[in-house]
PDB file of N, CA and C in Angstrom:
ATOM      1  N   MET A   1      -6.743  17.348-281.043  1.00  0.00           N
ATOM      2  CA  MET A   1      -6.185  18.150-280.123  1.00  0.00           C
ATOM      3  C   MET A   1      -6.139  19.589-280.349  1.00  0.00           C
ATOM      4  N   LEU A   2      -5.509  19.689-281.788  1.00  0.00           N
ATOM      5  CA  LEU A   2      -5.492  21.033-282.454  1.00  0.00           C
ATOM      6  C   LEU A   2      -7.149  21.590-282.855  1.00  0.00           C
ATOM      7  N   SER A   3      -7.743  20.800-283.100  1.00  0.00           N
ATOM      8  CA  SER A   3      -9.223  21.168-283.490  1.00  0.00           C
ATOM      9  C   SER A   3      -9.828  21.608-282.036  1.00  0.00           C
ATOM     10  N   ALA A   4      -9.705  20.777-281.010  1.00  0.00           N
ATOM     11  CA  ALA A   4     -10.516  21.228-279.859  1.00  0.00           C
ATOM     12  C   ALA A   4     -10.050  22.318-279.242  1.00  0.00           C
ATOM     13  N   HIS A   5      -8.650  23.016-279.626  1.00  0.00           N
ATOM     14  CA  HIS A   5      -8.071  24.225-279.272  1.00  0.00           C
ATOM     15  C   HIS A   5      -8.443  25.199-280.059  1.00  0.00           C
ATOM     16  N   LEU A   6      -8.634  25.199-281.082  1.00  0.00           N
ATOM     17  CA  LEU A   6      -8.932  26.010-281.859  1.00  0.00           C
ATOM     18  C   LEU A   6     -10.360  26.467-281.691  1.00  0.00           C
ATOM     19  N   GLY A   7     -11.331  25.412-281.604  1.00  0.00           N
ATOM     20  CA  GLY A   7     -12.771  25.558-281.313  1.00  0.00           C
ATOM     21  C   GLY A   7     -12.974  26.290-280.146  1.00  0.00           C
ATOM     22  N   GLU A   8     -12.087  26.018-278.960  1.00  0.00           N
ATOM     23  CA  GLU A   8     -12.414  26.776-277.504  1.00  0.00           C
ATOM     24  C   GLU A   8     -11.685  28.126-277.732  1.00  0.00           C
ATOM     25  N   THR A   9     -10.702  28.393-278.426  1.00  0.00           N
ATOM     26  CA  THR A   9     -10.258  29.653-278.886  1.00  0.00           C
ATOM     27  C   THR A   9     -11.202  30.733-279.481  1.00  0.00           C
ATOM     28  N   ILE A  10     -12.031  29.869-280.368  1.00  0.00           N
ATOM     29  CA  ILE A  10     -12.994  30.596-281.301  1.00  0.00           C
ATOM     30  C   ILE A  10     -14.263  30.999-280.424  1.00  0.00           C
ATOM     31  N   LYS A  11     -14.791  30.122-279.486  1.00  0.00           N
ATOM     32  CA  LYS A  11     -15.795  30.118-278.804  1.00  0.00           C
ATOM     33  C   LYS A  11     -15.818  31.199-277.849  1.00  0.00           C
ATOM     34  N   ARG A  12     -14.355  31.460-277.210  1.00  0.00           N
ATOM     35  CA  ARG A  12     -13.964  32.291-276.004  1.00  0.00           C
ATOM     36  C   ARG A  12     -14.155  33.639-276.722  1.00  0.00           C
ATOM     37  N   ARG A  13     -13.681  33.913-277.856  1.00  0.00           N
ATOM     38  CA  ARG A  13     -13.671  35.150-278.134  1.00  0.00           C
ATOM     39  C   ARG A  13     -14.832  35.581-278.926  1.00  0.00           C
ATOM     40  N   ARG A  14     -15.495  34.603-279.302  1.00  0.00           N
ATOM     41  CA  ARG A  14     -16.964  35.136-279.642  1.00  0.00           C
ATOM     42  C   ARG A  14     -17.983  35.544-278.429  1.00  0.00           C
ATOM     43  N   LYS A  15     -17.659  34.694-277.283  1.00  0.00           N
ATOM     44  CA  LYS A  15     -18.357  35.304-276.265  1.00  0.00           C
ATOM     45  C   LYS A  15     -18.118  36.531-275.795  1.00  0.00           C
ATOM     46  N   GLU A  16     -16.494  36.625-275.665  1.00  0.00           N
ATOM     47  CA  GLU A  16     -16.090  37.863-275.366  1.00  0.00           C
ATOM     48  C   GLU A  16     -16.828  39.324-276.199  1.00  0.00           C
ATOM     49  N   LEU A  17     -16.865  38.696-277.084  1.00  0.00           N
ATOM     50  CA  LEU A  17     -17.916  40.059-278.322  1.00  0.00           C
ATOM     51  C   LEU A  17     -19.098  40.062-278.046  1.00  0.00           C
ATOM     52  N   GLY A  18     -19.801  39.050-277.384  1.00  0.00           N
ATOM     53  CA  GLY A  18     -21.270  39.156-277.421  1.00  0.00           C
ATOM     54  C   GLY A  18     -21.957  38.651-278.683  1.00  0.00           C
ATOM     55  N   ILE A  19     -21.429  37.499-279.494  1.00  0.00           N
ATOM     56  CA  ILE A  19     -21.864  37.199-280.723  1.00  0.00           C
ATOM     57  C   ILE A  19     -22.664  35.861-280.460  1.00  0.00           C
ATOM     58  N   THR A  20     -23.466  35.700-281.222  1.00  0.00           N
ATOM     59  CA  THR A  20     -24.034  34.341-281.166  1.00  0.00           C
ATOM     60  C   THR A  20     -23.659  33.613-282.250  1.00  0.00           C
ATOM     61  N   GLN A  21     -23.444  32.004-282.293  1.00  0.00           N
ATOM     62  CA  GLN A  21     -23.235  31.595-283.105  1.00  0.00           C
ATOM     63  C   GLN A  21     -23.740  31.703-284.556  1.00  0.00           C
ATOM     64  N   PRO A  22     -25.105  31.874-284.589  1.00  0.00           N
ATOM     65  CA  PRO A  22     -25.641  32.309-285.971  1.00  0.00           C
ATOM     66  C   PRO A  22     -25.112  33.548-286.702  1.00  0.00           C
ATOM     67  N   HIS A  23     -24.897  34.352-285.648  1.00  0.00           N
ATOM     68  CA  HIS A  23     -24.619  35.878-285.991  1.00  0.00           C
ATOM     69  C   HIS A  23     -23.060  35.748-286.634  1.00  0.00           C
ATOM     70  N   LEU A  24     -22.334  35.250-285.713  1.00  0.00           N
ATOM     71  CA  LEU A  24     -20.882  34.958-286.094  1.00  0.00           C
ATOM     72  C   LEU A  24     -20.525  33.972-287.479  1.00  0.00           C
ATOM     73  N   ALA A  25     -21.444  33.075-287.606  1.00  0.00           N
ATOM     74  CA  ALA A  25     -21.520  32.476-288.947  1.00  0.00           C
ATOM     75  C   ALA A  25     -22.114  33.159-290.191  1.00  0.00           C
ATOM     76  N   GLU A  26     -23.070  33.889-290.108  1.00  0.00           N
ATOM     77  CA  GLU A  26     -23.359  34.854-291.086  1.00  0.00           C
ATOM     78  C   GLU A  26     -22.435  35.876-291.331  1.00  0.00           C
ATOM     79  N   LEU A  27     -21.692  36.415-290.573  1.00  0.00           N
ATOM     80  CA  LEU A  27     -20.831  37.410-290.561  1.00  0.00           C
ATOM     81  C   LEU A  27     -19.410  36.966-291.257  1.00  0.00           C
ATOM     82  N   ALA A  28     -19.162  35.711-291.066  1.00  0.00           N
ATOM     83  CA  ALA A  28     -18.113  35.111-291.755  1.00  0.00           C
ATOM     84  C   ALA A  28     -18.169  34.293-293.105  1.00  0.00           C
ATOM     85  N   GLY A  29     -19.691  34.454-293.544  1.00  0.00           N
ATOM     86  CA  GLY A  29     -20.056  33.551-294.702  1.00  0.00           C
ATOM     87  C   GLY A  29     -19.867  32.002-294.556  1.00  0.00           C
ATOM     88  N   ILE A  30     -19.984  31.355-293.462  1.00  0.00           N
ATOM     89  CA  ILE A  30     -19.778  29.916-293.167  1.00  0.00           C
ATOM     90  C   ILE A  30     -21.469  29.310-292.740  1.00  0.00           C
ATOM     91  N   SER A  31     -21.444  28.179-292.598  1.00  0.00           N
ATOM     92  CA  SER A  31     -23.069  27.625-292.126  1.00  0.00           C
ATOM     93  C   SER A  31     -22.757  27.788-290.695  1.00  0.00           C
ATOM     94  N   THR A  32     -23.835  27.810-289.919  1.00  0.00           N
ATOM     95  CA  THR A  32     -23.923  27.626-288.684  1.00  0.00           C
ATOM     96  C   THR A  32     -23.511  26.291-288.061  1.00  0.00           C
ATOM     97  N   ASN A  33     -23.926  25.404-288.627  1.00  0.00           N
ATOM     98  CA  ASN A  33     -23.485  23.806-288.587  1.00  0.00           C
ATOM     99  C   ASN A  33     -21.935  23.865-288.440  1.00  0.00           C
ATOM    100  N   THR A  34     -21.219  24.390-289.565  1.00  0.00           N
ATOM    101  CA  THR A  34     -19.696  24.343-289.592  1.00  0.00           C
ATOM    102  C   THR A  34     -19.298  24.765-288.233  1.00  0.00           C
ATOM    103  N   LEU A  35     -19.827  26.303-287.865  1.00  0.00           N
ATOM    104  CA  LEU A  35     -19.263  26.714-286.691  1.00  0.00           C
ATOM    105  C   LEU A  35     -19.690  25.898-285.423  1.00  0.00           C
ATOM    106  N   TYR A  36     -20.666  25.200-285.358  1.00  0.00           N
ATOM    107  CA  TYR A  36     -21.046  24.567-284.189  1.00  0.00           C
ATOM    108  C   TYR A  36     -19.943  23.439-284.112  1.00  0.00           C
ATOM    109  N   LYS A  37     -19.749  22.850-285.006  1.00  0.00           N
ATOM    110  CA  LYS A  37     -18.707  21.725-285.283  1.00  0.00           C
ATOM    111  C   LYS A  37     -17.373  22.020-284.936  1.00  0.00           C
ATOM    112  N   LEU A  38     -16.969  23.306-285.515  1.00  0.00           N
ATOM    113  CA  LEU A  38     -15.744  23.877-285.035  1.00  0.00           C
ATOM    114  C   LEU A  38     -15.503  23.771-283.598  1.00  0.00           C
ATOM    115  N   GLU A  39     -16.620  24.906-282.922  1.00  0.00           N
ATOM    116  CA  GLU A  39     -16.340  25.087-281.580  1.00  0.00           C
ATOM    117  C   GLU A  39     -16.295  23.830-280.395  1.00  0.00           C
ATOM    118  N   ARG A  40     -17.169  22.705-281.033  1.00  0.00           N
ATOM    119  CA  ARG A  40     -17.009  21.588-280.171  1.00  0.00           C
ATOM    120  C   ARG A  40     -15.962  20.701-280.923  1.00  0.00           C
ATOM    121  N   GLY A  41     -14.817  21.257-281.316  1.00  0.00           N
ATOM    122  CA  GLY A  41     -13.472  20.346-281.711  1.00  0.00           C
ATOM    123  C   GLY A  41     -14.129  18.937-282.743  1.00  0.00           C
ATOM    124  N   GLN A  42     -15.227  19.145-283.021  1.00  0.00           N
ATOM    125  CA  GLN A  42     -15.670  18.021-284.149  1.00  0.00           C
ATOM    126  C   GLN A  42     -15.120  18.396-285.732  1.00  0.00           C
ATOM    127  N   SER A  43     -14.476  18.982-286.229  1.00  0.00           N
ATOM    128  CA  SER A  43     -14.210  19.165-287.488  1.00  0.00           C
ATOM    129  C   SER A  43     -12.717  19.639-287.608  1.00  0.00           C
ATOM    130  N   ASN A  44     -12.522  19.548-288.811  1.00  0.00           N
ATOM    131  CA  ASN A  44     -11.039  20.014-289.085  1.00  0.00           C
ATOM    132  C   ASN A  44     -10.928  21.236-290.224  1.00  0.00           C
ATOM    133  N   PRO A  45     -11.236  22.403-289.781  1.00  0.00           N
ATOM    134  CA  PRO A  45     -11.579  23.519-290.628  1.00  0.00           C
ATOM    135  C   PRO A  45     -10.140  23.806-291.845  1.00  0.00           C
ATOM    136  N   SER A  46     -10.785  24.430-293.029  1.00  0.00           N
ATOM    137  CA  SER A  46      -9.563  24.710-293.751  1.00  0.00           C
ATOM    138  C   SER A  46      -9.184  26.028-293.059  1.00  0.00           C
ATOM    139  N   LEU A  47      -8.032  26.531-293.688  1.00  0.00           N
ATOM    140  CA  LEU A  47      -7.530  27.917-293.606  1.00  0.00           C
ATOM    141  C   LEU A  47      -8.408  29.013-293.928  1.00  0.00           C
ATOM    142  N   GLU A  48      -9.011  28.394-295.015  1.00  0.00           N
ATOM    143  CA  GLU A  48     -10.010  29.662-295.546  1.00  0.00           C
ATOM    144  C   GLU A  48     -10.987  29.911-294.533  1.00  0.00           C
ATOM    145  N   VAL A  49     -11.861  28.905-294.043  1.00  0.00           N
ATOM    146  CA  VAL A  49     -12.745  29.185-292.990  1.00  0.00           C
ATOM    147  C   VAL A  49     -12.197  29.943-291.636  1.00  0.00           C
ATOM    148  N   LEU A  50     -11.084  29.131-291.245  1.00  0.00           N
ATOM    149  CA  LEU A  50     -10.238  29.803-290.246  1.00  0.00           C
ATOM    150  C   LEU A  50     -10.100  31.234-290.277  1.00  0.00           C
ATOM    151  N   ASN A  51      -9.482  31.617-291.697  1.00  0.00           N
ATOM    152  CA  ASN A  51      -9.306  33.138-291.724  1.00  0.00           C
ATOM    153  C   ASN A  51     -10.464  33.915-291.992  1.00  0.00           C
ATOM    154  N   LYS A  52     -11.497  33.626-292.637  1.00  0.00           N
ATOM    155  CA  LYS A  52     -12.784  34.040-292.541  1.00  0.00           C
ATOM    156  C   LYS A  52     -13.218  34.358-291.076  1.00  0.00           C
ATOM    157  N   LEU A  53     -13.628  33.546-290.046  1.00  0.00           N
ATOM    158  CA  LEU A  53     -13.756  33.579-288.646  1.00  0.00           C
ATOM    159  C   LEU A  53     -12.913  34.657-288.112  1.00  0.00           C
ATOM    160  N   PHE A  54     -11.634  34.251-288.165  1.00  0.00           N
ATOM    161  CA  PHE A  54     -10.455  35.349-287.156  1.00  0.00           C
ATOM    162  C   PHE A  54     -10.633  36.675-287.946  1.00  0.00           C
ATOM    163  N   GLU A  55     -11.212  36.882-289.092  1.00  0.00           N
ATOM    164  CA  GLU A  55     -11.226  38.298-289.448  1.00  0.00           C
ATOM    165  C   GLU A  55     -12.351  38.887-288.831  1.00  0.00           C
ATOM    166  N   VAL A  56     -13.201  38.247-288.585  1.00  0.00           N
ATOM    167  CA  VAL A  56     -14.438  38.721-288.084  1.00  0.00           C
ATOM    168  C   VAL A  56     -14.462  39.102-286.420  1.00  0.00           C
ATOM    169  N   LEU A  57     -13.392  38.156-286.048  1.00  0.00           N
ATOM    170  CA  LEU A  57     -13.194  38.225-284.305  1.00  0.00           C
ATOM    171  C   LEU A  57     -12.075  39.030-284.136  1.00  0.00           C
ATOM    172  N   GLY A  58     -11.441  39.613-285.188  1.00  0.00           N
ATOM    173  CA  GLY A  58     -10.348  40.479-284.711  1.00  0.00           C
ATOM    174  C   GLY A  58      -9.042  39.657-284.510  1.00  0.00           C
ATOM    175  N   MET A  59      -9.110  38.685-284.920  1.00  0.00           N
ATOM    176  CA  MET A  59      -7.837  37.754-284.716  1.00  0.00           C
ATOM    177  C   MET A  59      -6.754  37.411-285.923  1.00  0.00           C
ATOM    178  N   GLU A  60      -5.801  36.948-285.729  1.00  0.00           N
ATOM    179  CA  GLU A  60      -5.058  36.618-286.815  1.00  0.00           C
ATOM    180  C   GLU A  60      -4.618  34.989-286.833  1.00  0.00           C
ATOM    181  N   ILE A  61      -4.096  34.597-287.858  1.00  0.00           N
ATOM    182  CA  ILE A  61      -3.725  33.376-287.917  1.00  0.00           C
ATOM    183  C   ILE A  61      -2.049  33.460-287.837  1.00  0.00           C
ATOM    184  N   LYS A  62      -1.337  32.676-287.217  1.00  0.00           N
ATOM    185  CA  LYS A  62       0.239  32.730-287.155  1.00  0.00           C
ATOM    186  C   LYS A  62       0.632  31.261-287.266  1.00  0.00           C
ATOM    187  N   LEU A  63       1.390  31.135-288.569  1.00  0.00           N
ATOM    188  CA  LEU A  63       1.855  29.622-288.682  1.00  0.00           C
ATOM    189  C   LEU A  63       3.033  29.348-288.659  1.00  0.00           C
ATOM    190  N   GLU A  64       3.714  28.719-287.878  1.00  0.00           N
ATOM    191  CA  GLU A  64       5.212  28.616-287.822  1.00  0.00           C
ATOM    192  C   GLU A  64       5.357  27.339-287.887  1.00  0.00           C
ATOM    193  N   VAL A  65       6.758  27.252-289.153  1.00  0.00           N
ATOM    194  CA  VAL A  65       7.264  25.657-289.223  1.00  0.00           C
ATOM    195  C   VAL A  65       8.638  25.819-288.785  1.00  0.00           C
ATOM    196  N   ARG A  66       8.858  25.143-288.011  1.00  0.00           N
ATOM    197  CA  ARG A  66      10.359  24.763-287.422  1.00  0.00           C
ATOM    198  C   ARG A  66      10.912  23.310-287.675  1.00  0.00           C
ATOM    199  N   LYS A  67      12.147  23.430-287.926  1.00  0.00           N
ATOM    200  CA  LYS A  67      12.918  22.063-287.926  1.00  0.00           C
ATOM    201  C   LYS A  67      13.120  21.234-286.832  1.00  0.00           C
ATOM    202  N   LYS A  68      13.026  20.012-286.576  1.00  0.00           N
ATOM    203  CA  LYS A  68      13.148  19.408-285.345  1.00  0.00           C
ATOM    204  C   LYS A  68      14.612  18.943-285.534  1.00  0.00           C
ATOM    205  N   TYR A  69      15.106  18.876-284.349  1.00  0.00           N
ATOM    206  CA  TYR A  69      16.576  18.248-284.174  1.00  0.00           C
ATOM    207  C   TYR A  69      16.528  16.897-283.435  1.00  0.00           C
TER     208      TYR A  69
END
């Protein structure tokens, strides 16, 4: 579920900026195949990969940890 949501978020932002998958992959320093799989929700990306992509896309990662009661 999380991978699919991340993939959709990245895809939507990439399209808003008018960037192709190969161009975004090049700018972020990742493979096109990695980006393709991520956008389709078929991978579990590392924080390093997400950080590279989000930096290029002008986004940030916010991690929140809460205690369940």
